[in-house]
PDB file of N, CA and C in Angstrom:
ATOM      1  N   MET A   1     133.815 111.045  94.399  1.00  0.00           N
ATOM      2  CA  MET A   1     133.104 112.244  94.763  1.00  0.00           C
ATOM      3  C   MET A   1     131.796 112.310  93.969  1.00  0.00           C
ATOM      4  N   ALA A   2     130.747 112.662  94.619  1.00  0.00           N
ATOM      5  CA  ALA A   2     129.438 112.748  93.968  1.00  0.00           C
ATOM      6  C   ALA A   2     129.355 113.998  93.102  1.00  0.00           C
ATOM      7  N   GLN A   3     128.656 113.880  91.991  1.00  0.00           N
ATOM      8  CA  GLN A   3     128.460 115.028  91.121  1.00  0.00           C
ATOM      9  C   GLN A   3     127.431 115.959  91.745  1.00  0.00           C
ATOM     10  N   LYS A   4     127.490 117.205  91.320  1.00  0.00           N
ATOM     11  CA  LYS A   4     126.573 118.192  91.881  1.00  0.00           C
ATOM     12  C   LYS A   4     125.136 117.879  91.465  1.00  0.00           C
ATOM     13  N   GLY A   5     124.229 117.833  92.415  1.00  0.00           N
ATOM     14  CA  GLY A   5     122.827 117.576  92.128  1.00  0.00           C
ATOM     15  C   GLY A   5     122.440 116.112  92.163  1.00  0.00           C
ATOM     16  N   LYS A   6     123.415 115.216  92.216  1.00  0.00           N
ATOM     17  CA  LYS A   6     123.106 113.786  92.263  1.00  0.00           C
ATOM     18  C   LYS A   6     123.513 113.237  93.615  1.00  0.00           C
ATOM     19  N   ILE A   7     122.674 112.376  94.148  1.00  0.00           N
ATOM     20  CA  ILE A   7     122.947 111.774  95.445  1.00  0.00           C
ATOM     21  C   ILE A   7     123.351 110.326  95.233  1.00  0.00           C
ATOM     22  N   GLN A   8     124.496 109.961  95.773  1.00  0.00           N
ATOM     23  CA  GLN A   8     124.907 108.566  95.706  1.00  0.00           C
ATOM     24  C   GLN A   8     124.376 107.858  96.938  1.00  0.00           C
ATOM     25  N   LYS A   9     123.805 106.682  96.729  1.00  0.00           N
ATOM     26  CA  LYS A   9     123.353 105.906  97.878  1.00  0.00           C
ATOM     27  C   LYS A   9     123.724 104.447  97.637  1.00  0.00           C
ATOM     28  N   LYS A  10     124.002 103.773  98.712  1.00  0.00           N
ATOM     29  CA  LYS A  10     124.322 102.362  98.633  1.00  0.00           C
ATOM     30  C   LYS A  10     123.031 101.567  98.540  1.00  0.00           C
ATOM     31  N   VAL A  11     123.030 100.557  97.728  1.00  0.00           N
ATOM     32  CA  VAL A  11     121.828  99.742  97.556  1.00  0.00           C
ATOM     33  C   VAL A  11     121.867  98.639  98.598  1.00  0.00           C
ATOM     34  N   LYS A  12     121.171  98.864  99.698  1.00  0.00           N
ATOM     35  CA  LYS A  12     121.104  97.857 100.751  1.00  0.00           C
ATOM     36  C   LYS A  12     119.930  96.926 100.525  1.00  0.00           C
ATOM     37  N   ARG A  13     118.929  97.415  99.808  1.00  0.00           N
ATOM     38  CA  ARG A  13     117.749  96.615  99.505  1.00  0.00           C
ATOM     39  C   ARG A  13     117.554  96.589  97.996  1.00  0.00           C
ATOM     40  N   PRO A  14     118.236  95.674  97.311  1.00  0.00           N
ATOM     41  CA  PRO A  14     118.099  95.645  95.847  1.00  0.00           C
ATOM     42  C   PRO A  14     116.730  95.146  95.409  1.00  0.00           C
ATOM     43  N   LEU A  15     116.356  95.514  94.199  1.00  0.00           N
ATOM     44  CA  LEU A  15     115.077  95.111  93.622  1.00  0.00           C
ATOM     45  C   LEU A  15     115.163  93.649  93.192  1.00  0.00           C
ATOM     46  N   ILE A  16     114.190  92.838  93.600  1.00  0.00           N
ATOM     47  CA  ILE A  16     114.139  91.410  93.291  1.00  0.00           C
ATOM     48  C   ILE A  16     112.909  91.151  92.434  1.00  0.00           C
ATOM     49  N   LYS A  17     113.068  90.412  91.340  1.00  0.00           N
ATOM     50  CA  LYS A  17     111.933  90.038  90.497  1.00  0.00           C
ATOM     51  C   LYS A  17     111.378  88.700  90.971  1.00  0.00           C
ATOM     52  N   LEU A  18     110.052  88.582  90.936  1.00  0.00           N
ATOM     53  CA  LEU A  18     109.386  87.336  91.316  1.00  0.00           C
ATOM     54  C   LEU A  18     108.812  86.695  90.067  1.00  0.00           C
ATOM     55  N   ILE A  19     109.087  85.391  89.884  1.00  0.00           N
ATOM     56  CA  ILE A  19     108.645  84.665  88.696  1.00  0.00           C
ATOM     57  C   ILE A  19     107.638  83.595  89.114  1.00  0.00           C
ATOM     58  N   CYS A  20     106.585  83.442  88.318  1.00  0.00           N
ATOM     59  CA  CYS A  20     105.569  82.427  88.581  1.00  0.00           C
ATOM     60  C   CYS A  20     106.177  81.047  88.330  1.00  0.00           C
ATOM     61  N   THR A  21     105.895  80.100  89.216  1.00  0.00           N
ATOM     62  CA  THR A  21     106.472  78.760  89.064  1.00  0.00           C
ATOM     63  C   THR A  21     105.738  77.930  88.014  1.00  0.00           C
ATOM     64  N   GLU A  22     104.520  78.316  87.648  1.00  0.00           N
ATOM     65  CA  GLU A  22     103.754  77.535  86.671  1.00  0.00           C
ATOM     66  C   GLU A  22     103.915  78.048  85.246  1.00  0.00           C
ATOM     67  N   CYS A  23     103.744  79.350  85.036  1.00  0.00           N
ATOM     68  CA  CYS A  23     103.797  79.865  83.661  1.00  0.00           C
ATOM     69  C   CYS A  23     105.100  80.611  83.354  1.00  0.00           C
ATOM     70  N   LYS A  24     105.964  80.803  84.344  1.00  0.00           N
ATOM     71  CA  LYS A  24     107.280  81.431  84.184  1.00  0.00           C
ATOM     72  C   LYS A  24     107.212  82.891  83.740  1.00  0.00           C
ATOM     73  N   GLN A  25     106.153  83.597  84.100  1.00  0.00           N
ATOM     74  CA  GLN A  25     106.028  85.010  83.773  1.00  0.00           C
ATOM     75  C   GLN A  25     106.470  85.863  84.960  1.00  0.00           C
ATOM     76  N   ARG A  26     107.027  87.041  84.671  1.00  0.00           N
ATOM     77  CA  ARG A  26     107.484  87.957  85.719  1.00  0.00           C
ATOM     78  C   ARG A  26     106.565  89.166  85.759  1.00  0.00           C
ATOM     79  N   TYR A  27     105.765  89.286  86.826  1.00  0.00           N
ATOM     80  CA  TYR A  27     104.849  90.415  86.978  1.00  0.00           C
ATOM     81  C   TYR A  27     105.102  91.212  88.244  1.00  0.00           C
ATOM     82  N   TYR A  28     105.744  90.620  89.226  1.00  0.00           N
ATOM     83  CA  TYR A  28     105.908  91.269  90.518  1.00  0.00           C
ATOM     84  C   TYR A  28     107.378  91.531  90.807  1.00  0.00           C
ATOM     85  N   HIS A  29     107.638  92.563  91.585  1.00  0.00           N
ATOM     86  CA  HIS A  29     108.971  92.825  92.092  1.00  0.00           C
ATOM     87  C   HIS A  29     108.845  93.322  93.528  1.00  0.00           C
ATOM     88  N   THR A  30     109.891  93.145  94.293  1.00  0.00           N
ATOM     89  CA  THR A  30     109.905  93.549  95.687  1.00  0.00           C
ATOM     90  C   THR A  30     111.339  93.876  96.078  1.00  0.00           C
ATOM     91  N   ARG A  31     111.519  94.422  97.249  1.00  0.00           N
ATOM     92  CA  ARG A  31     112.852  94.691  97.773  1.00  0.00           C
ATOM     93  C   ARG A  31     113.139  93.730  98.923  1.00  0.00           C
ATOM     94  N   LYS A  32     114.432  93.394  99.056  1.00  0.00           N
ATOM     95  CA  LYS A  32     114.826  92.430 100.076  1.00  0.00           C
ATOM     96  C   LYS A  32     116.172  92.839 100.655  1.00  0.00           C
ATOM     97  N   ASN A  33     116.325  92.709 101.959  1.00  0.00           N
ATOM     98  CA  ASN A  33     117.604  92.951 102.604  1.00  0.00           C
ATOM     99  C   ASN A  33     118.370  91.629 102.615  1.00  0.00           C
ATOM    100  N   PRO A  34     119.444  91.504 101.831  1.00  0.00           N
ATOM    101  CA  PRO A  34     120.142  90.217 101.733  1.00  0.00           C
ATOM    102  C   PRO A  34     120.885  89.806 102.998  1.00  0.00           C
ATOM    103  N   THR A  35     121.185  90.737 103.888  1.00  0.00           N
ATOM    104  CA  THR A  35     121.866  90.353 105.121  1.00  0.00           C
ATOM    105  C   THR A  35     120.905  89.680 106.094  1.00  0.00           C
ATOM    106  N   ASN A  36     119.638  90.123 106.114  1.00  0.00           N
ATOM    107  CA  ASN A  36     118.650  89.532 107.028  1.00  0.00           C
ATOM    108  C   ASN A  36     118.050  88.253 106.465  1.00  0.00           C
ATOM    109  N   THR A  37     117.833  88.195 105.158  1.00  0.00           N
ATOM    110  CA  THR A  37     117.233  87.025 104.520  1.00  0.00           C
ATOM    111  C   THR A  37     118.110  86.567 103.360  1.00  0.00           C
ATOM    112  N   PRO A  38     119.131  85.759 103.622  1.00  0.00           N
ATOM    113  CA  PRO A  38     120.039  85.329 102.549  1.00  0.00           C
ATOM    114  C   PRO A  38     119.423  84.293 101.606  1.00  0.00           C
ATOM    115  N   ASP A  39     118.407  83.556 102.062  1.00  0.00           N
ATOM    116  CA  ASP A  39     117.796  82.542 101.199  1.00  0.00           C
ATOM    117  C   ASP A  39     116.787  83.194 100.267  1.00  0.00           C
ATOM    118  N   ARG A  40     116.332  82.436  99.282  1.00  0.00           N
ATOM    119  CA  ARG A  40     115.423  82.970  98.272  1.00  0.00           C
ATOM    120  C   ARG A  40     114.000  83.095  98.815  1.00  0.00           C
ATOM    121  N   ILE A  41     113.283  84.094  98.306  1.00  0.00           N
ATOM    122  CA  ILE A  41     111.928  84.398  98.768  1.00  0.00           C
ATOM    123  C   ILE A  41     110.904  83.589  97.977  1.00  0.00           C
ATOM    124  N   ASN A  42     109.877  83.093  98.664  1.00  0.00           N
ATOM    125  CA  ASN A  42     108.711  82.459  98.042  1.00  0.00           C
ATOM    126  C   ASN A  42     107.464  83.169  98.548  1.00  0.00           C
ATOM    127  N   HIS A  43     106.632  83.639  97.610  1.00  0.00           N
ATOM    128  CA  HIS A  43     105.381  84.305  97.964  1.00  0.00           C
ATOM    129  C   HIS A  43     104.246  83.681  97.171  1.00  0.00           C
ATOM    130  N   LEU A  44     103.060  83.630  97.784  1.00  0.00           N
ATOM    131  CA  LEU A  44     101.860  83.264  97.033  1.00  0.00           C
ATOM    132  C   LEU A  44     101.261  84.543  96.473  1.00  0.00           C
ATOM    133  N   LYS A  45     101.251  84.653  95.159  1.00  0.00           N
ATOM    134  CA  LYS A  45     100.731  85.838  94.483  1.00  0.00           C
ATOM    135  C   LYS A  45      99.731  85.418  93.424  1.00  0.00           C
ATOM    136  N   PHE A  46      98.871  86.357  93.022  1.00  0.00           N
ATOM    137  CA  PHE A  46      97.917  86.077  91.960  1.00  0.00           C
ATOM    138  C   PHE A  46      98.601  86.262  90.621  1.00  0.00           C
ATOM    139  N   CYS A  47      98.559  85.229  89.790  1.00  0.00           N
ATOM    140  CA  CYS A  47      99.150  85.267  88.458  1.00  0.00           C
ATOM    141  C   CYS A  47      98.062  85.644  87.454  1.00  0.00           C
ATOM    142  N   LYS A  48      98.343  86.633  86.614  1.00  0.00           N
ATOM    143  CA  LYS A  48      97.363  87.110  85.642  1.00  0.00           C
ATOM    144  C   LYS A  48      97.150  86.108  84.508  1.00  0.00           C
ATOM    145  N   ILE A  49      98.159  85.339  84.166  1.00  0.00           N
ATOM    146  CA  ILE A  49      98.051  84.364  83.089  1.00  0.00           C
ATOM    147  C   ILE A  49      97.338  83.098  83.575  1.00  0.00           C
ATOM    148  N   CYS A  50      97.737  82.588  84.733  1.00  0.00           N
ATOM    149  CA  CYS A  50      97.145  81.366  85.279  1.00  0.00           C
ATOM    150  C   CYS A  50      95.759  81.617  85.884  1.00  0.00           C
ATOM    151  N   ARG A  51      95.468  82.861  86.231  1.00  0.00           N
ATOM    152  CA  ARG A  51      94.193  83.256  86.839  1.00  0.00           C
ATOM    153  C   ARG A  51      93.939  82.565  88.183  1.00  0.00           C
ATOM    154  N   LYS A  52      95.009  82.368  88.952  1.00  0.00           N
ATOM    155  CA  LYS A  52      94.883  81.799  90.299  1.00  0.00           C
ATOM    156  C   LYS A  52      96.118  82.180  91.110  1.00  0.00           C
ATOM    157  N   ARG A  53      96.066  81.898  92.393  1.00  0.00           N
ATOM    158  CA  ARG A  53      97.211  82.157  93.262  1.00  0.00           C
ATOM    159  C   ARG A  53      98.229  81.045  93.095  1.00  0.00           C
ATOM    160  N   THR A  54      99.440  81.424  92.764  1.00  0.00           N
ATOM    161  CA  THR A  54     100.517  80.454  92.561  1.00  0.00           C
ATOM    162  C   THR A  54     101.755  80.917  93.329  1.00  0.00           C
ATOM    163  N   PRO A  55     102.635  79.999  93.675  1.00  0.00           N
ATOM    164  CA  PRO A  55     103.888  80.422  94.330  1.00  0.00           C
ATOM    165  C   PRO A  55     104.795  81.144  93.335  1.00  0.00           C
ATOM    166  N   HIS A  56     105.356  82.252  93.762  1.00  0.00           N
ATOM    167  CA  HIS A  56     106.291  83.020  92.957  1.00  0.00           C
ATOM    168  C   HIS A  56     107.640  82.984  93.658  1.00  0.00           C
ATOM    169  N   LYS A  57     108.692  82.669  92.895  1.00  0.00           N
ATOM    170  CA  LYS A  57     110.043  82.555  93.465  1.00  0.00           C
ATOM    171  C   LYS A  57     110.897  83.725  93.025  1.00  0.00           C
ATOM    172  N   GLU A  58     111.916  83.964  93.808  1.00  0.00           N
ATOM    173  CA  GLU A  58     112.837  85.058  93.542  1.00  0.00           C
ATOM    174  C   GLU A  58     113.793  84.725  92.398  1.00  0.00           C
ATOM    175  N   THR A  59     114.025  85.703  91.524  1.00  0.00           N
ATOM    176  CA  THR A  59     115.034  85.580  90.476  1.00  0.00           C
ATOM    177  C   THR A  59     115.945  86.793  90.558  1.00  0.00           C
ATOM    178  N   LYS A  60     117.022  86.743  89.836  1.00  0.00           N
ATOM    179  CA  LYS A  60     117.969  87.878  89.832  1.00  0.00           C
ATOM    180  C   LYS A  60     117.902  88.619  88.523  1.00  0.00           C
TER     181      LYS A  60
END
């Protein structure tokens, strides 16, 4: 039973951290529906440390 004033919700889109493949820094996060996309996400993002666009992979 939910407590008064608090709403319980199921996490259908959990928060995913994206890590740079070159410098291994975590600057970005996104949400993903695991039922629609079960494989890991790869995005080209700008890395602040590398100062260029690098592929960022999903971590848990």
